Amino acid sequence: MEKRPFGRTGAEFPILSFGAQRIVDEHQCTEDEAMAIVNRAIDEGITYFDTAPKYSNGQSEERLGKSFGKRRDQVWIATKTHDRTRDGSLRLLEGSLKRLQTDHVEEWRLHHVTTMDEVDQIFAKGGAMEALLEAKEQGLVKHLSISGHTDPRVQLEAIERYPFDSALVAVSAMDHLIYSFAHEFLPAANAKGVAVVGMKLLALGALAPWYEKALQYTFSLPISTAIVGMESMEQLEQNLAAARAFKPMTELEQLEFFKEIIHLANPNVLKWKAQGWNSGQWVTR
């Protein structure tokens, strides 16, 4: 698989990375299956694993911790805090480290920051940013990050306030069509040396009929890597095959792809860019 630099960190990763949200009972993936999938991924060169305490009440983190074992030094772990306060975030990190069976993670990120008000809360006195900085100073985390699905202006504001090492953002072909991180966020992030991790490649399954094209589109963007959720060995093998066969999508190929999927550009499909998951209304900018 093609490898790319991870911003200014000095690390590099294959274009395909592992989204661990789905290796849980909720997605009909047993613990034995999860451990087999994770170890197969490492065998095939995947080293970046994204998780969060919110994923199935910590089961995702727990299964990663059990899977890594003696291979801990072969992987890069990114986990998150969804709490906007210092104290709440530090409690979440303590639980994450226990479940992951490690004394540190390579990357700790602010989870799903959606509004400017949340940015203000995070950077206020007693906010989550204090926890991130303290944890880094103590060596509990190595790099700091932020994630967002909805409005790229929010993440743009965040990277102006602090030089985050990375950002996890929604960059599916569907995201191209409204509130586009590819248009609005990637140029600024790249200019600042912020590693960009792509997510939502299949748009919650809406792009499954165009599976190869969906991955090809996102891999073609100026990102460092992209996480894809995997709940079965079959899905892992399909993703590996797509990543190994990757060739950049031309502008004409992009245009043809957009013509095929533009009918899906509505808030019922792009739920993460709607006022609420079932509102049928776009977020107001």
Protein backbone atom coordinates (compact mmCIF):
# COMPACT_ATOMS: atom_id res chain seq x y z
CA MET A 1 0.00 0.00 0.00
CA GLU A 2 1.05 3.56 -0.65
CA LYS A 3 2.39 5.30 2.46
CA ARG A 4 2.16 9.00 3.25
CA PRO A 5 3.72 11.34 5.85
CA PHE A 6 1.58 12.02 8.91
CA GLY A 7 1.80 15.80 8.95
CA ARG A 8 4.80 17.17 10.79
CA THR A 9 5.03 14.26 13.28
CA GLY A 10 7.69 12.33 11.38
CA ALA A 11 5.46 9.24 11.23
CA GLU A 12 4.00 7.76 8.05
CA PHE A 13 1.13 5.36 7.44
CA PRO A 14 -0.47 3.39 4.62
CA ILE A 15 -3.43 5.12 3.00
CA LEU A 16 -5.72 2.55 4.64
CA SER A 17 -6.06 2.64 8.41
CA PHE A 18 -8.32 0.82 10.86
CA GLY A 19 -11.52 2.29 12.26
CA ALA A 20 -12.24 0.13 15.31
CA GLN A 21 -15.79 1.27 16.06
CA ARG A 22 -17.30 -1.87 14.56
CA ILE A 23 -15.28 -4.70 16.16
CA VAL A 24 -17.93 -5.04 18.86
CA ASP A 25 -20.92 -7.18 19.78
CA GLU A 26 -23.24 -4.42 18.57
CA HIS A 27 -22.03 -5.15 15.03
CA GLN A 28 -22.17 -8.95 15.43
CA CYS A 29 -18.40 -9.20 15.77
CA THR A 30 -17.26 -11.53 18.55
CA GLU A 31 -14.13 -10.96 20.63
CA ASP A 32 -12.30 -13.83 18.92
CA GLU A 33 -13.23 -12.46 15.50
CA ALA A 34 -12.14 -8.96 16.52
CA MET A 35 -8.74 -10.17 17.67
CA ALA A 36 -8.24 -12.16 14.48
CA ILE A 37 -9.18 -9.17 12.29
CA VAL A 38 -6.89 -6.78 14.17
CA ASN A 39 -3.92 -9.12 14.02
CA ARG A 40 -4.50 -9.84 10.35
CA ALA A 41 -4.55 -6.08 9.70
CA ILE A 42 -1.19 -5.67 11.46
CA ASP A 43 0.23 -8.60 9.49
CA GLU A 44 -0.79 -6.80 6.29
CA GLY A 45 0.86 -3.52 7.23
CA ILE A 46 -1.93 -1.53 8.89
CA THR A 47 -0.53 0.23 11.95
CA TYR A 48 -2.93 3.12 12.66
CA PHE A 49 -5.95 2.24 14.83
CA ASP A 50 -8.69 4.70 15.73
CA THR A 51 -11.05 4.10 18.65
CA ALA A 52 -12.93 5.96 21.41
CA PRO A 53 -14.38 5.30 24.88
CA LYS A 54 -17.82 6.08 23.49
CA TYR A 55 -17.71 3.17 21.03
CA SER A 56 -19.96 0.52 22.59
CA ASN A 57 -19.17 1.77 26.11
CA GLY A 58 -15.46 1.05 25.78
CA GLN A 59 -15.74 -2.39 24.17
CA SER A 60 -13.85 -1.21 21.10
CA GLU A 61 -10.91 -0.05 23.22
CA GLU A 62 -11.02 -3.19 25.31
CA ARG A 63 -10.83 -5.45 22.27
CA LEU A 64 -7.96 -3.49 20.78
CA GLY A 65 -6.09 -3.78 24.08
CA LYS A 66 -6.56 -7.55 24.13
CA SER A 67 -5.62 -7.83 20.45
CA PHE A 68 -2.34 -5.94 20.56
CA GLY A 69 -0.63 -7.88 23.36
CA LYS A 70 3.08 -8.10 22.61
CA ARG A 71 2.54 -6.20 19.36
CA ARG A 72 1.84 -2.92 21.15
CA ASP A 73 5.05 -1.35 19.83
CA GLN A 74 3.95 -2.08 16.23
CA VAL A 75 0.84 0.09 16.35
CA TRP A 76 -0.25 3.70 16.71
CA ILE A 77 -3.32 4.13 18.91
CA ALA A 78 -5.62 7.13 18.55
CA THR A 79 -8.43 7.48 21.08
CA LYS A 80 -10.69 10.36 22.06
CA THR A 81 -12.48 12.43 24.65
CA HIS A 82 -16.08 13.47 24.08
CA ASP A 83 -16.12 15.42 27.36
CA ARG A 84 -15.56 19.17 27.03
CA THR A 85 -14.07 19.65 30.52
CA ARG A 86 -10.60 19.07 31.93
CA ASP A 87 -11.67 16.76 34.75
CA GLY A 88 -14.12 14.74 32.70
CA SER A 89 -11.59 14.26 29.92
CA LEU A 90 -8.87 13.10 32.28
CA ARG A 91 -11.26 10.53 33.74
CA LEU A 92 -12.04 9.28 30.26
CA LEU A 93 -8.33 8.98 29.45
CA GLU A 94 -7.70 6.97 32.61
CA GLY A 95 -10.39 4.49 31.56
CA SER A 96 -9.10 4.36 27.98
CA LEU A 97 -5.57 3.51 29.06
CA LYS A 98 -6.83 0.69 31.27
CA ARG A 99 -8.98 -0.82 28.53
CA LEU A 100 -6.23 -0.45 25.95
CA GLN A 101 -3.75 -2.07 28.36
CA THR A 102 -1.13 0.61 27.81
CA ASP A 103 0.53 3.43 29.70
CA HIS A 104 0.18 5.89 26.83
CA VAL A 105 -1.48 6.47 23.47
CA GLU A 106 0.14 8.01 20.45
CA GLU A 107 -2.79 10.33 19.79
CA TRP A 108 -5.62 11.79 21.86
CA ARG A 109 -8.31 13.74 20.09
CA LEU A 110 -11.31 15.89 20.85
CA HIS A 111 -14.26 13.84 19.63
CA HIS A 112 -16.88 15.19 17.19
CA VAL A 113 -16.55 18.94 17.76
CA THR A 114 -19.57 20.40 15.97
CA THR A 115 -20.11 24.03 16.98
CA MET A 116 -18.16 27.18 17.77
CA ASP A 117 -19.68 27.08 21.25
CA GLU A 118 -18.00 23.72 21.81
CA VAL A 119 -14.69 25.17 20.68
CA ASP A 120 -15.13 27.96 23.23
CA GLN A 121 -15.93 25.41 25.97
CA ILE A 122 -12.88 23.34 25.10
CA PHE A 123 -10.52 26.31 25.24
CA ALA A 124 -12.11 27.96 28.29
CA LYS A 125 -10.64 27.72 31.80
CA GLY A 126 -11.27 24.18 33.03
CA GLY A 127 -11.95 23.03 29.48
CA ALA A 128 -10.81 19.86 27.76
CA MET A 129 -7.80 21.57 26.20
CA GLU A 130 -6.24 21.77 29.65
CA ALA A 131 -6.54 17.98 29.92
CA LEU A 132 -4.93 17.43 26.52
CA LEU A 133 -1.97 19.64 27.39
CA GLU A 134 -1.51 18.10 30.84
CA ALA A 135 -1.68 14.56 29.48
CA LYS A 136 0.90 15.38 26.83
CA GLU A 137 3.22 16.96 29.39
CA GLN A 138 2.94 13.82 31.54
CA GLY A 139 3.71 11.52 28.58
CA LEU A 140 0.29 9.86 28.68
CA VAL A 141 -0.35 11.02 25.11
CA LYS A 142 2.15 11.91 22.41
CA HIS A 143 0.12 13.94 19.92
CA LEU A 144 -3.04 16.07 20.10
CA SER A 145 -5.91 16.01 17.66
CA ILE A 146 -9.46 17.12 16.91
CA SER A 147 -12.27 15.55 14.91
CA GLY A 148 -15.36 16.84 13.20
CA HIS A 149 -18.07 15.65 10.86
CA THR A 150 -20.27 18.65 10.22
CA ASP A 151 -18.91 22.14 9.58
CA PRO A 152 -15.29 22.61 8.46
CA ARG A 153 -15.26 26.17 9.78
CA VAL A 154 -15.30 24.78 13.32
CA GLN A 155 -12.12 22.76 12.76
CA LEU A 156 -10.54 25.71 10.94
CA GLU A 157 -11.12 27.83 14.03
CA ALA A 158 -9.65 25.14 16.27
CA ILE A 159 -6.40 24.82 14.32
CA GLU A 160 -6.05 28.60 14.46
CA ARG A 161 -6.27 28.49 18.25
CA TYR A 162 -3.83 25.58 18.73
CA PRO A 163 -1.34 23.74 16.46
CA PHE A 164 -3.00 20.33 16.59
CA ASP A 165 -0.92 17.50 15.15
CA SER A 166 -3.86 15.99 13.29
CA ALA A 167 -7.53 16.25 12.48
CA LEU A 168 -10.02 13.47 11.75
CA VAL A 169 -12.67 14.77 9.34
CA ALA A 170 -15.46 13.55 7.06
CA VAL A 171 -14.22 13.48 3.47
CA SER A 172 -16.44 11.05 1.59
CA ALA A 173 -17.50 11.87 -1.95
CA MET A 174 -20.87 12.83 -0.44
CA ASP A 175 -19.17 15.32 1.87
CA HIS A 176 -17.71 16.95 -1.22
CA LEU A 177 -21.21 18.17 -2.11
CA ILE A 178 -22.00 20.31 0.95
CA TYR A 179 -19.94 21.89 3.76
CA SER A 180 -16.88 20.34 2.14
CA PHE A 181 -13.86 19.60 4.32
CA ALA A 182 -11.98 18.84 1.09
CA HIS A 183 -12.55 22.39 -0.14
CA GLU A 184 -12.61 24.40 3.07
CA PHE A 185 -10.36 22.57 5.55
CA LEU A 186 -7.72 20.51 3.74
CA PRO A 187 -5.82 23.42 2.16
CA ALA A 188 -5.37 25.19 5.50
CA ALA A 189 -4.53 21.97 7.36
CA ASN A 190 -1.94 20.99 4.79
CA ALA A 191 -0.38 24.45 4.86
CA LYS A 192 0.00 24.18 8.66
CA GLY A 193 1.40 20.64 8.59
CA VAL A 194 -1.70 19.20 10.28
CA ALA A 195 -2.08 15.53 9.35
CA VAL A 196 -5.57 14.86 8.00
CA VAL A 197 -7.23 11.52 8.67
CA GLY A 198 -10.24 10.85 6.45
CA MET A 199 -13.43 9.20 7.69
CA LYS A 200 -17.02 8.45 6.60
CA LEU A 201 -15.69 7.06 3.30
CA LEU A 202 -18.84 5.06 2.58
CA ALA A 203 -21.21 7.72 3.97
CA LEU A 204 -22.82 5.34 6.50
CA GLY A 205 -23.28 2.80 3.74
CA ALA A 206 -24.95 5.12 1.22
CA LEU A 207 -21.95 4.72 -1.09
CA ALA A 208 -21.72 0.93 -0.73
CA PRO A 209 -22.92 0.38 -4.33
CA TRP A 210 -19.90 2.45 -5.43
CA TYR A 211 -17.52 0.88 -2.91
CA GLU A 212 -14.29 0.95 -4.95
CA LYS A 213 -14.96 4.44 -6.31
CA ALA A 214 -15.78 5.74 -2.83
CA LEU A 215 -12.45 4.60 -1.43
CA GLN A 216 -10.59 5.74 -4.53
CA TYR A 217 -12.10 9.23 -4.25
CA THR A 218 -11.00 9.72 -0.64
CA PHE A 219 -7.58 8.16 -1.11
CA SER A 220 -7.07 10.65 -3.97
CA LEU A 221 -7.41 13.63 -1.63
CA PRO A 222 -4.35 15.29 -0.02
CA ILE A 223 -4.81 13.41 3.26
CA SER A 224 -2.36 11.37 5.33
CA THR A 225 -4.54 8.28 5.74
CA ALA A 226 -8.18 7.21 5.96
CA ILE A 227 -9.88 5.03 8.53
CA VAL A 228 -12.46 2.49 7.41
CA GLY A 229 -14.69 0.61 9.83
CA MET A 230 -14.34 -3.17 9.60
CA GLU A 231 -16.40 -5.83 11.38
CA SER A 232 -15.40 -8.94 9.43
CA MET A 233 -12.36 -10.54 7.85
CA GLU A 234 -14.09 -10.28 4.47
CA GLN A 235 -14.39 -6.50 4.82
CA LEU A 236 -10.74 -6.22 5.83
CA GLU A 237 -9.62 -8.19 2.77
CA GLN A 238 -11.83 -6.08 0.48
CA ASN A 239 -10.39 -2.87 1.93
CA LEU A 240 -6.83 -4.13 1.59
CA ALA A 241 -7.46 -5.06 -2.05
CA ALA A 242 -8.92 -1.61 -2.80
CA ALA A 243 -6.00 0.16 -1.13
CA ARG A 244 -3.42 -1.93 -2.97
CA ALA A 245 -5.12 -1.33 -6.33
CA PHE A 246 -5.43 2.41 -5.73
CA LYS A 247 -4.74 4.83 -8.56
CA PRO A 248 -5.57 8.52 -8.14
CA MET A 249 -8.96 9.50 -9.51
CA THR A 250 -8.81 12.00 -12.35
CA GLU A 251 -10.94 15.15 -12.37
CA LEU A 252 -13.13 13.68 -15.11
CA GLU A 253 -13.59 10.47 -13.13
CA GLN A 254 -14.57 12.55 -10.09
CA LEU A 255 -17.11 14.46 -12.16
CA GLU A 256 -18.69 11.26 -13.46
CA PHE A 257 -18.80 9.85 -9.94
CA PHE A 258 -20.51 12.97 -8.60
CA LYS A 259 -23.14 12.72 -11.35
CA GLU A 260 -23.94 9.19 -10.18
CA ILE A 261 -24.37 10.08 -6.51
CA ILE A 262 -25.64 13.67 -6.44
CA HIS A 263 -29.24 12.50 -6.01
CA LEU A 264 -28.20 11.30 -2.53
CA ALA A 265 -27.14 14.78 -1.40
CA ASN A 266 -29.81 15.40 1.21
CA PRO A 267 -29.79 15.62 5.03
CA ASN A 268 -31.50 12.24 5.38
CA VAL A 269 -28.43 10.60 3.85
CA LEU A 270 -25.77 13.01 5.14
CA LYS A 271 -27.14 12.73 8.67
CA TRP A 272 -23.95 14.07 10.28
CA LYS A 273 -24.53 17.38 8.48
CA ALA A 274 -28.14 17.71 9.59
CA GLN A 275 -29.60 19.57 12.57
CA GLY A 276 -30.47 16.20 14.07
CA TRP A 277 -30.12 12.65 12.85
CA ASN A 278 -33.80 12.50 11.83
CA SER A 279 -34.59 16.16 11.23
CA GLY A 280 -34.31 16.20 7.45
CA GLN A 281 -32.84 19.71 7.73
CA TRP A 282 -29.28 20.86 7.07
CA VAL A 283 -27.26 22.44 9.83
CA THR A 284 -27.65 26.20 9.55
CA ARG A 285 -24.34 27.90 8.87
